[in-house]
Amino acid sequence: MLTILAALVLTGCAGDKTPPSRLDNACAIVAERPAYLRAMRATQRKWGVPVYVQMAVIHQESKFDGDARTPYQWALGVIPMGRQSSAYGYSQALDGTWDEYREEERRRRAKRDKIQDATDFMGWYMNKTVQRNGIPLTDARNQYLAYHEGHSGFRRGTYNSKGWLVGVANKVQSRAYMYRGQLASCGKL
């Protein structure tokens, strides 16, 4: 009996980082993971980033997987050479940018695999995007491009030579609109 109880507790803890089952339905996501909505609303209050923008970016970056990592690179197709980048967690924040956030916000214990910390990071980063590049917090497309390319890369227009990335950013914008409509329909906006 004690073993079963311990297994349930461990499964419950690990389950917090696993993706929700219906990623194309914002209402289903927040019903299945109410902590996500609480975290995103806290970020919206603190930083002004709409919940639906946060959701669309998290969907693109990690598909709501708290343990998401970039794929391994391989030499000769069989020798692992490490990961493509240090991106990790819900927000896929890079080590250096995450460390800058934790230092600046005095959040040394923040973790990329905790939804509250990941959404707060996104709010912090997107507000820097407003300051540095003038992109409104409601503009999911350009916020995503700056998120992916970095503030300087966005300013230089590095995404212009990456048609695939512009396509992804357009999908992020479409998903943000879809999530906004869904959240409004279930009274969670």
Protein backbone atom coordinates (compact mmCIF):
# COMPACT_ATOMS: atom_id res chain seq x y z
CA MET A 1 0.00 0.00 0.00
CA LEU A 2 2.81 2.41 0.90
CA THR A 3 4.55 1.63 -2.40
CA ILE A 4 1.41 2.45 -4.38
CA LEU A 5 0.96 5.72 -2.49
CA ALA A 6 4.60 6.70 -3.13
CA ALA A 7 4.21 5.87 -6.83
CA LEU A 8 1.07 8.02 -7.08
CA VAL A 9 2.78 10.95 -5.39
CA LEU A 10 5.81 10.68 -7.69
CA THR A 11 3.61 10.33 -10.77
CA GLY A 12 1.61 13.39 -9.72
CA CYS A 13 4.79 15.45 -9.33
CA ALA A 14 6.22 14.31 -12.65
CA GLY A 15 2.87 14.85 -14.37
CA ASP A 16 3.05 18.60 -13.81
CA LYS A 17 5.71 18.86 -16.54
CA THR A 18 4.07 16.59 -19.08
CA PRO A 19 2.10 18.21 -21.89
CA PRO A 20 -1.68 18.45 -21.66
CA SER A 21 -3.55 16.04 -23.92
CA ARG A 22 -5.36 18.54 -26.20
CA LEU A 23 -2.90 21.24 -27.33
CA ASP A 24 -5.24 22.73 -29.94
CA ASN A 25 -7.85 23.72 -27.35
CA ALA A 26 -6.91 26.46 -24.88
CA CYS A 27 -9.95 25.75 -22.71
CA ALA A 28 -8.98 22.08 -22.45
CA ILE A 29 -5.38 23.02 -21.62
CA VAL A 30 -6.37 25.27 -18.73
CA ALA A 31 -9.02 22.81 -17.51
CA GLU A 32 -6.44 20.02 -17.44
CA ARG A 33 -3.68 22.23 -16.01
CA PRO A 34 -5.23 25.05 -13.92
CA ALA A 35 -1.73 25.97 -12.65
CA TYR A 36 -0.85 27.04 -16.19
CA LEU A 37 -3.64 29.60 -16.24
CA ARG A 38 -2.74 30.88 -12.76
CA ALA A 39 0.90 31.30 -13.83
CA MET A 40 0.01 33.02 -17.10
CA ARG A 41 -2.48 35.34 -15.44
CA ALA A 42 0.18 36.32 -12.87
CA THR A 43 2.56 37.08 -15.75
CA GLN A 44 -0.15 39.08 -17.52
CA ARG A 45 -0.75 41.15 -14.36
CA LYS A 46 2.97 41.71 -13.72
CA TRP A 47 4.30 42.15 -17.26
CA GLY A 48 1.22 42.81 -19.43
CA VAL A 49 1.74 39.85 -21.80
CA PRO A 50 -1.67 38.42 -22.72
CA VAL A 51 -2.31 34.81 -21.71
CA TYR A 52 -3.03 33.81 -25.32
CA VAL A 53 0.36 35.17 -26.50
CA GLN A 54 2.15 33.26 -23.75
CA MET A 55 0.27 30.09 -24.66
CA ALA A 56 1.05 30.39 -28.38
CA VAL A 57 4.77 30.90 -27.75
CA ILE A 58 4.96 28.05 -25.22
CA HIS A 59 3.14 25.81 -27.67
CA GLN A 60 5.70 26.58 -30.36
CA GLU A 61 8.73 26.36 -28.10
CA SER A 62 7.98 23.23 -26.05
CA LYS A 63 4.44 22.00 -26.76
CA PHE A 64 3.89 22.56 -23.01
CA ASP A 65 6.59 20.01 -22.11
CA GLY A 66 8.44 21.22 -19.02
CA ASP A 67 11.39 18.93 -19.78
CA ALA A 68 11.70 19.90 -23.45
CA ARG A 69 15.26 20.08 -24.80
CA THR A 70 16.74 20.59 -28.24
CA PRO A 71 17.72 17.44 -30.15
CA TYR A 72 21.19 15.95 -30.04
CA GLN A 73 23.65 16.62 -32.83
CA TRP A 74 25.33 13.53 -34.26
CA ALA A 75 28.68 12.97 -35.95
CA LEU A 76 28.69 10.31 -38.65
CA GLY A 77 25.07 9.68 -37.74
CA VAL A 78 25.96 7.65 -34.63
CA ILE A 79 28.23 9.65 -32.29
CA PRO A 80 26.34 12.06 -30.01
CA MET A 81 28.00 15.50 -30.01
CA GLY A 82 25.75 17.28 -27.52
CA ARG A 83 22.54 19.21 -27.92
CA GLN A 84 21.92 21.88 -30.56
CA SER A 85 21.65 24.53 -27.85
CA SER A 86 21.18 24.98 -24.12
CA ALA A 87 17.46 25.73 -24.54
CA TYR A 88 15.39 23.97 -21.91
CA GLY A 89 11.95 23.88 -20.33
CA TYR A 90 8.59 25.37 -21.18
CA SER A 91 10.05 28.60 -22.52
CA GLN A 92 13.16 27.04 -24.13
CA ALA A 93 15.27 29.76 -22.53
CA LEU A 94 19.00 29.56 -23.24
CA ASP A 95 21.41 29.26 -20.31
CA GLY A 96 22.87 32.77 -20.67
CA THR A 97 19.53 34.53 -21.08
CA TRP A 98 18.04 32.54 -18.20
CA ASP A 99 20.97 33.49 -15.98
CA GLU A 100 20.54 37.16 -16.95
CA TYR A 101 16.84 36.97 -16.04
CA ARG A 102 17.52 35.30 -12.68
CA GLU A 103 20.19 37.87 -11.81
CA GLU A 104 18.19 40.90 -12.91
CA GLU A 105 14.96 39.76 -11.28
CA ARG A 106 16.74 38.38 -8.18
CA ARG A 107 15.16 34.96 -8.74
CA ARG A 108 18.14 32.66 -8.15
CA ARG A 109 15.90 29.68 -7.44
CA ALA A 110 13.82 30.06 -10.62
CA LYS A 111 13.70 26.93 -12.78
CA ARG A 112 12.93 26.60 -16.46
CA ASP A 113 10.83 23.49 -15.87
CA LYS A 114 8.42 25.32 -13.54
CA ILE A 115 5.55 26.95 -15.41
CA GLN A 116 5.42 29.97 -13.05
CA ASP A 117 9.10 30.72 -13.60
CA ALA A 118 8.95 30.06 -17.35
CA THR A 119 6.02 32.43 -17.89
CA ASP A 120 7.61 35.11 -15.70
CA PHE A 121 10.76 34.80 -17.80
CA MET A 122 8.71 35.24 -20.97
CA GLY A 123 7.08 38.37 -19.54
CA TRP A 124 10.50 39.78 -18.62
CA TYR A 125 11.96 38.98 -22.04
CA MET A 126 8.97 40.28 -24.02
CA ASN A 127 9.03 43.54 -22.08
CA LYS A 128 12.67 43.95 -23.07
CA THR A 129 11.51 43.36 -26.64
CA VAL A 130 9.07 46.26 -26.27
CA GLN A 131 11.86 48.50 -24.91
CA ARG A 132 14.49 47.49 -27.47
CA ASN A 133 12.41 46.91 -30.60
CA GLY A 134 9.05 48.59 -29.98
CA ILE A 135 7.02 45.41 -30.53
CA PRO A 136 3.64 45.47 -28.74
CA LEU A 137 3.00 42.66 -26.26
CA THR A 138 -0.09 41.66 -28.27
CA ASP A 139 1.96 41.09 -31.46
CA ALA A 140 2.64 37.36 -31.10
CA ARG A 141 4.30 37.10 -34.52
CA ASN A 142 7.01 39.70 -34.02
CA GLN A 143 7.41 38.94 -30.32
CA TYR A 144 8.13 35.36 -31.37
CA LEU A 145 10.63 36.43 -34.02
CA ALA A 146 12.49 38.55 -31.44
CA TYR A 147 12.25 35.69 -28.94
CA HIS A 148 13.79 33.28 -31.43
CA GLU A 149 16.41 35.54 -32.99
CA GLY A 150 17.26 37.64 -29.95
CA HIS A 151 16.79 41.39 -29.70
CA SER A 152 19.81 42.29 -31.83
CA GLY A 153 19.05 39.63 -34.41
CA PHE A 154 15.49 40.90 -34.73
CA ARG A 155 16.73 44.48 -35.11
CA ARG A 156 19.11 43.35 -37.88
CA GLY A 157 16.30 41.40 -39.56
CA THR A 158 18.10 38.04 -39.48
CA TYR A 159 14.72 36.29 -39.78
CA ASN A 160 14.26 37.74 -43.29
CA SER A 161 16.64 35.14 -44.72
CA LYS A 162 14.81 32.33 -42.90
CA GLY A 163 11.55 31.72 -44.71
CA TRP A 164 10.83 28.71 -42.50
CA LEU A 165 11.06 30.91 -39.37
CA VAL A 166 8.73 33.56 -40.80
CA GLY A 167 6.27 30.73 -41.51
CA VAL A 168 6.58 29.51 -37.93
CA ALA A 169 6.04 33.05 -36.60
CA ASN A 170 2.89 33.34 -38.72
CA LYS A 171 1.64 30.07 -37.19
CA VAL A 172 2.36 31.43 -33.70
CA GLN A 173 0.24 34.49 -34.52
CA SER A 174 -2.59 32.30 -35.86
CA ARG A 175 -2.45 30.10 -32.77
CA ALA A 176 -2.55 33.19 -30.52
CA TYR A 177 -5.72 34.35 -32.29
CA MET A 178 -7.21 30.85 -31.99
CA TYR A 179 -6.35 30.59 -28.28
CA ARG A 180 -7.75 34.09 -27.64
CA GLY A 181 -11.08 33.13 -29.21
CA GLN A 182 -11.20 29.84 -27.33
CA LEU A 183 -10.37 31.45 -23.99
CA ALA A 184 -13.10 34.04 -24.58
CA SER A 185 -15.62 31.30 -25.39
CA CYS A 186 -15.02 29.45 -22.13
CA GLY A 187 -14.83 32.59 -19.99
CA LYS A 188 -11.12 32.34 -19.22
CA LEU A 189 -9.87 35.41 -21.12
